N, C-alpha and C. Protein backbone atom coordinates (compact mmCIF):
# COMPACT_ATOMS: atom_id res chain seq x y z
N MET A 1 20.78 27.92 17.69
CA MET A 1 21.02 26.52 16.86
C MET A 1 21.54 27.13 15.72
N PRO A 2 22.80 26.79 15.08
CA PRO A 2 23.49 27.25 13.81
C PRO A 2 22.29 26.21 12.51
N LYS A 3 22.03 27.00 11.27
CA LYS A 3 21.59 26.30 10.49
C LYS A 3 22.39 25.34 9.85
N ARG A 4 22.38 24.10 9.43
CA ARG A 4 23.55 23.01 8.58
C ARG A 4 23.20 23.31 7.34
N LYS A 5 24.28 23.00 6.76
CA LYS A 5 24.35 23.37 5.49
C LYS A 5 23.90 22.22 4.66
N ILE A 6 23.45 22.01 3.71
CA ILE A 6 23.10 21.28 2.52
C ILE A 6 24.03 20.92 1.63
N ARG A 7 24.22 19.96 1.90
CA ARG A 7 25.03 19.72 0.92
C ARG A 7 24.73 19.15 -0.79
N LYS A 8 25.45 19.35 -1.86
CA LYS A 8 24.92 18.91 -3.16
C LYS A 8 24.75 17.57 -3.50
N LEU A 9 23.48 17.16 -3.57
CA LEU A 9 23.79 15.65 -4.31
C LEU A 9 24.17 15.31 -5.71
N THR A 10 24.91 13.77 -5.74
CA THR A 10 25.22 14.22 -7.29
C THR A 10 24.31 13.32 -7.82
N LYS A 11 24.52 12.99 -9.02
CA LYS A 11 23.22 12.95 -9.82
C LYS A 11 22.74 11.18 -9.74
N GLN A 12 24.09 10.80 -9.10
CA GLN A 12 23.44 9.16 -9.10
C GLN A 12 22.81 8.84 -7.78
N GLU A 13 22.85 9.79 -6.55
CA GLU A 13 22.64 9.82 -5.30
C GLU A 13 21.00 10.64 -5.42
N ILE A 14 20.51 11.24 -6.45
CA ILE A 14 19.45 11.90 -6.93
C ILE A 14 18.70 10.70 -7.14
N GLY A 15 19.31 10.00 -8.35
CA GLY A 15 18.51 9.08 -9.18
C GLY A 15 18.49 7.69 -8.40
N LEU A 16 19.50 7.47 -6.99
CA LEU A 16 18.82 6.53 -6.10
C LEU A 16 17.96 6.96 -5.50
N LEU A 17 17.99 8.45 -4.92
CA LEU A 17 16.58 8.49 -3.82
C LEU A 17 15.36 8.83 -4.70
N LEU A 18 15.41 9.04 -6.22
CA LEU A 18 14.08 8.86 -7.07
C LEU A 18 13.68 7.66 -7.56
N SER A 19 14.90 6.37 -7.39
CA SER A 19 14.50 4.92 -7.83
C SER A 19 14.12 4.50 -6.63
N GLU A 20 14.28 4.89 -5.50
CA GLU A 20 13.54 4.39 -3.87
C GLU A 20 11.95 4.69 -3.97
N GLU A 21 12.11 5.81 -4.43
CA GLU A 21 10.58 6.55 -4.37
C GLU A 21 9.45 5.50 -5.18
N GLN A 22 10.10 5.73 -6.29
CA GLN A 22 9.68 4.86 -7.52
C GLN A 22 8.64 3.19 -6.93
N THR A 23 9.89 2.82 -6.31
CA THR A 23 9.72 1.13 -5.71
C THR A 23 8.84 1.27 -5.11
N ILE A 24 8.71 2.00 -4.02
CA ILE A 24 7.61 2.36 -3.20
C ILE A 24 6.30 2.62 -3.34
N LEU A 25 6.37 3.44 -4.55
CA LEU A 25 5.07 3.97 -5.23
C LEU A 25 4.61 2.66 -5.71
N SER A 26 5.26 2.21 -6.63
CA SER A 26 4.72 1.08 -7.45
C SER A 26 4.22 -0.27 -6.51
N ARG A 27 5.07 -0.72 -5.36
CA ARG A 27 4.65 -1.35 -4.08
C ARG A 27 3.05 -0.78 -3.59
N GLU A 28 2.81 0.29 -3.47
CA GLU A 28 1.62 1.04 -2.97
C GLU A 28 0.60 0.22 -3.93
N ARG A 29 0.63 0.71 -5.42
CA ARG A 29 -0.52 0.25 -6.21
C ARG A 29 -0.58 -0.93 -5.83
N THR A 30 0.11 -1.94 -6.09
CA THR A 30 0.07 -3.18 -5.81
C THR A 30 -0.74 -3.66 -4.51
N MET A 31 -0.73 -2.86 -3.42
CA MET A 31 -1.54 -3.32 -2.48
C MET A 31 -2.98 -2.87 -2.20
N HIS A 32 -2.92 -1.64 -3.28
CA HIS A 32 -4.34 -1.11 -3.92
C HIS A 32 -4.70 -2.42 -4.62
N SER A 33 -4.13 -3.58 -5.45
CA SER A 33 -4.88 -4.23 -5.71
C SER A 33 -5.34 -5.74 -5.02
N TYR A 34 -4.60 -5.41 -4.23
CA TYR A 34 -4.53 -6.79 -2.90
C TYR A 34 -6.09 -6.32 -1.88
N MET A 35 -6.10 -4.95 -2.21
CA MET A 35 -7.22 -4.74 -1.64
C MET A 35 -8.48 -4.77 -1.90
N GLN A 36 -8.27 -4.61 -3.67
CA GLN A 36 -9.46 -5.01 -4.34
C GLN A 36 -9.95 -6.15 -4.44
N THR A 37 -8.54 -7.19 -4.40
CA THR A 37 -8.95 -8.43 -4.35
C THR A 37 -9.31 -9.33 -2.85
N GLY A 38 -9.01 -8.27 -1.59
CA GLY A 38 -9.73 -8.81 -0.63
C GLY A 38 -11.22 -8.38 -0.53
N LEU A 39 -11.89 -7.49 -0.89
CA LEU A 39 -12.80 -6.87 -1.16
C LEU A 39 -14.02 -7.59 -2.08
N ALA A 40 -13.12 -8.13 -2.94
CA ALA A 40 -13.93 -9.23 -4.12
C ALA A 40 -14.21 -10.35 -3.30
N PHE A 41 -13.19 -10.93 -2.49
CA PHE A 41 -13.72 -12.40 -1.76
C PHE A 41 -14.60 -12.14 -0.91
N MET A 42 -14.46 -10.85 -0.48
CA MET A 42 -15.50 -10.59 0.70
C MET A 42 -17.15 -10.42 0.22
N GLY A 43 -16.76 -9.65 -1.00
CA GLY A 43 -18.25 -9.85 -1.47
C GLY A 43 -19.34 -10.71 -2.22
N VAL A 44 -18.13 -11.63 -2.92
CA VAL A 44 -18.59 -13.17 -2.82
C VAL A 44 -18.94 -14.20 -2.41
N GLY A 45 -18.04 -14.11 -0.78
CA GLY A 45 -18.47 -14.70 0.17
C GLY A 45 -19.90 -14.56 0.87
N LEU A 46 -20.35 -12.76 0.93
CA LEU A 46 -21.24 -12.55 1.22
C LEU A 46 -22.64 -12.81 0.63
N LEU A 47 -22.63 -12.83 -0.85
CA LEU A 47 -23.30 -13.01 -1.54
C LEU A 47 -23.89 -14.56 -1.95
N ILE A 48 -22.90 -15.45 -1.52
CA ILE A 48 -23.00 -16.92 -1.33
C ILE A 48 -24.04 -16.98 -0.24
N VAL A 49 -23.74 -16.53 0.94
CA VAL A 49 -24.25 -16.85 1.96
C VAL A 49 -25.59 -16.21 2.42
N LYS A 50 -26.02 -15.29 1.46
CA LYS A 50 -27.18 -14.53 1.52
C LYS A 50 -28.08 -15.73 0.14
N TYR A 51 -27.62 -15.38 -0.69
CA TYR A 51 -28.37 -16.29 -1.85
C TYR A 51 -28.27 -17.83 -2.04
N VAL A 52 -27.30 -18.50 -1.74
CA VAL A 52 -27.31 -19.64 -1.60
C VAL A 52 -27.46 -20.78 -0.64
N GLU A 53 -28.40 -21.68 -0.90
CA GLU A 53 -29.21 -22.60 0.32
C GLU A 53 -27.91 -23.58 0.38
N GLY A 54 -27.85 -24.26 2.10
CA GLY A 54 -27.09 -25.30 2.05
C GLY A 54 -26.03 -24.93 3.42
N ILE A 55 -26.01 -25.87 4.00
CA ILE A 55 -24.70 -25.37 4.92
C ILE A 55 -23.41 -25.60 4.42
N GLU A 56 -23.04 -26.42 3.65
CA GLU A 56 -22.01 -26.08 3.10
C GLU A 56 -21.76 -24.97 2.18
N PHE A 57 -22.49 -24.14 1.59
CA PHE A 57 -22.59 -23.26 0.73
C PHE A 57 -22.17 -22.15 1.92
N THR A 58 -22.85 -22.01 3.16
CA THR A 58 -22.58 -21.28 4.17
C THR A 58 -21.37 -21.00 4.50
N ILE A 59 -21.24 -22.18 4.95
CA ILE A 59 -19.29 -22.28 5.07
C ILE A 59 -18.52 -21.92 4.24
N LEU A 60 -18.78 -22.44 2.79
CA LEU A 60 -17.97 -21.98 1.89
C LEU A 60 -17.76 -20.00 1.96
N GLY A 61 -18.90 -19.50 1.97
CA GLY A 61 -19.29 -18.20 1.70
C GLY A 61 -18.80 -17.43 2.93
N ALA A 62 -19.29 -17.84 4.14
CA ALA A 62 -18.26 -17.50 5.55
C ALA A 62 -16.62 -17.31 5.01
N ALA A 63 -16.14 -18.47 4.94
CA ALA A 63 -14.74 -19.00 4.65
C ALA A 63 -14.08 -17.76 3.49
N LEU A 64 -14.52 -17.47 2.54
CA LEU A 64 -14.51 -16.78 1.41
C LEU A 64 -14.67 -15.48 2.06
N ALA A 65 -15.41 -14.74 2.74
CA ALA A 65 -15.46 -13.45 3.43
C ALA A 65 -14.06 -13.11 4.36
N LEU A 66 -14.16 -14.35 5.16
CA LEU A 66 -13.10 -13.89 6.14
C LEU A 66 -11.72 -14.17 5.55
N PHE A 67 -11.58 -14.92 4.50
CA PHE A 67 -10.43 -14.91 3.70
C PHE A 67 -10.20 -13.51 3.22
N GLY A 68 -11.24 -12.84 2.62
CA GLY A 68 -10.85 -11.62 1.99
C GLY A 68 -10.89 -10.36 3.26
N GLY A 69 -11.11 -10.82 4.53
CA GLY A 69 -11.12 -9.62 5.39
C GLY A 69 -9.85 -9.61 5.74
N TYR A 70 -9.26 -10.93 5.69
CA TYR A 70 -7.77 -10.99 6.00
C TYR A 70 -7.00 -10.62 4.77
N VAL A 71 -6.84 -10.70 3.76
CA VAL A 71 -6.31 -10.00 2.82
C VAL A 71 -6.33 -8.73 2.47
N LEU A 72 -7.59 -8.27 3.20
CA LEU A 72 -7.79 -6.61 2.82
C LEU A 72 -7.08 -5.92 4.15
N TYR A 73 -6.76 -6.47 5.31
CA TYR A 73 -6.21 -6.29 6.49
C TYR A 73 -4.71 -5.88 6.24
N GLY A 74 -4.45 -7.35 5.93
CA GLY A 74 -2.63 -7.65 5.66
C GLY A 74 -2.46 -6.32 4.73
N SER A 75 -3.35 -6.34 3.19
CA SER A 75 -2.93 -4.74 2.75
C SER A 75 -2.81 -3.30 3.21
N MET A 76 -3.76 -3.22 3.72
CA MET A 76 -4.02 -2.28 4.40
C MET A 76 -2.83 -1.99 5.50
N LYS A 77 -2.38 -2.69 5.95
CA LYS A 77 -1.32 -2.61 7.01
C LYS A 77 -0.16 -2.08 6.42
N ARG A 78 0.00 -2.89 5.23
CA ARG A 78 1.38 -2.72 4.43
C ARG A 78 1.22 -1.30 3.71
N PHE A 79 -0.23 -1.21 2.80
CA PHE A 79 0.10 0.29 2.23
C PHE A 79 0.28 1.24 3.27
N PHE A 80 -0.32 1.64 4.28
CA PHE A 80 -0.12 2.78 5.46
C PHE A 80 1.36 2.61 5.65
N ARG A 81 2.52 1.57 5.99
CA ARG A 81 3.57 1.06 6.27
C ARG A 81 4.38 2.24 4.67
N TYR A 82 3.63 1.87 3.76
CA TYR A 82 4.56 2.35 2.38
C TYR A 82 4.16 3.98 2.65
N ARG A 83 2.97 3.97 2.69
CA ARG A 83 2.72 5.87 2.70
C ARG A 83 3.73 6.63 3.36
N LYS A 84 4.02 5.64 4.59
CA LYS A 84 5.00 6.47 5.92
C LYS A 84 5.80 6.84 5.18
N SER A 85 6.52 5.50 4.48
CA SER A 85 8.15 5.96 3.80
C SER A 85 7.96 6.69 2.26
N VAL A 86 6.97 7.18 1.96
CA VAL A 86 7.05 7.84 1.04
C VAL A 86 6.59 9.59 1.69
N ARG A 87 6.36 9.48 2.70
CA ARG A 87 6.27 10.80 3.43
C ARG A 87 7.33 10.81 4.04
N ARG A 88 8.24 9.76 4.41
CA ARG A 88 9.52 10.50 4.86
C ARG A 88 10.79 10.44 4.16
N LEU A 89 10.28 9.87 2.29
CA LEU A 89 11.30 10.57 1.44
C LEU A 89 11.16 11.86 1.11
N ARG A 90 9.71 12.35 1.08
CA ARG A 90 9.57 13.35 0.24
C ARG A 90 9.81 14.36 1.36
N LYS A 91 10.18 14.03 2.38
CA LYS A 91 10.66 15.28 3.51
C LYS A 91 11.86 15.50 3.11
N ILE A 92 12.84 14.36 2.93
CA ILE A 92 14.04 14.26 2.84
C ILE A 92 14.17 15.04 1.66
N GLU A 93 13.66 14.63 0.37
CA GLU A 93 13.53 15.66 -0.98
C GLU A 93 13.40 16.95 -0.82
N ARG A 94 12.30 17.48 0.31
CA ARG A 94 12.32 18.81 0.54
C ARG A 94 13.51 19.49 1.01
N LYS A 95 13.97 18.75 2.23
CA LYS A 95 15.09 19.44 2.83
C LYS A 95 16.43 19.68 1.97
N LEU A 96 16.43 18.64 1.05
CA LEU A 96 17.77 18.95 -0.26
C LEU A 96 16.94 19.73 -0.95
N ARG A 97 16.11 20.27 -1.05
CA ARG A 97 15.26 21.42 -1.85
C ARG A 97 15.17 20.77 -3.43
N LEU A 98 14.70 19.35 -3.42
CA LEU A 98 14.62 18.76 -4.76
C LEU A 98 13.13 19.17 -5.30
N ASP A 99 12.78 19.48 -6.50
CA ASP A 99 11.46 19.85 -7.26
C ASP A 99 10.76 18.79 -7.61
N VAL A 100 10.83 17.74 -6.86
CA VAL A 100 10.10 16.28 -7.03
C VAL A 100 9.22 15.88 -6.18
N GLY A 101 8.41 15.00 -6.57
CA GLY A 101 6.82 14.46 -5.80
C GLY A 101 5.93 15.22 -5.78
N GLU A 102 4.77 15.32 -4.88
CA GLU A 102 3.94 15.97 -4.47
C GLU A 102 2.81 15.64 -5.77
């Protein structure tokens, strides 16, 4: 199988590729913040369940813990999707012999 020739990218195309990677990485950082928020909700909910007496506080604590789990699950799902996109972009960058990333 013959080797494919790699065409030279214009500065505009390189800039577009890098800005796409930068956007994905910023979304990844946002998902980290969502994960922290989900963990905080779970922690507060579990503390309420453990240390505050009363059925209404138990229900509130359980609801907070469940909501935190939901936020954590959703953010992790998105995070891994963004990681996959970054790997795909970096593969393209290596194929084009751009010395960026990593």
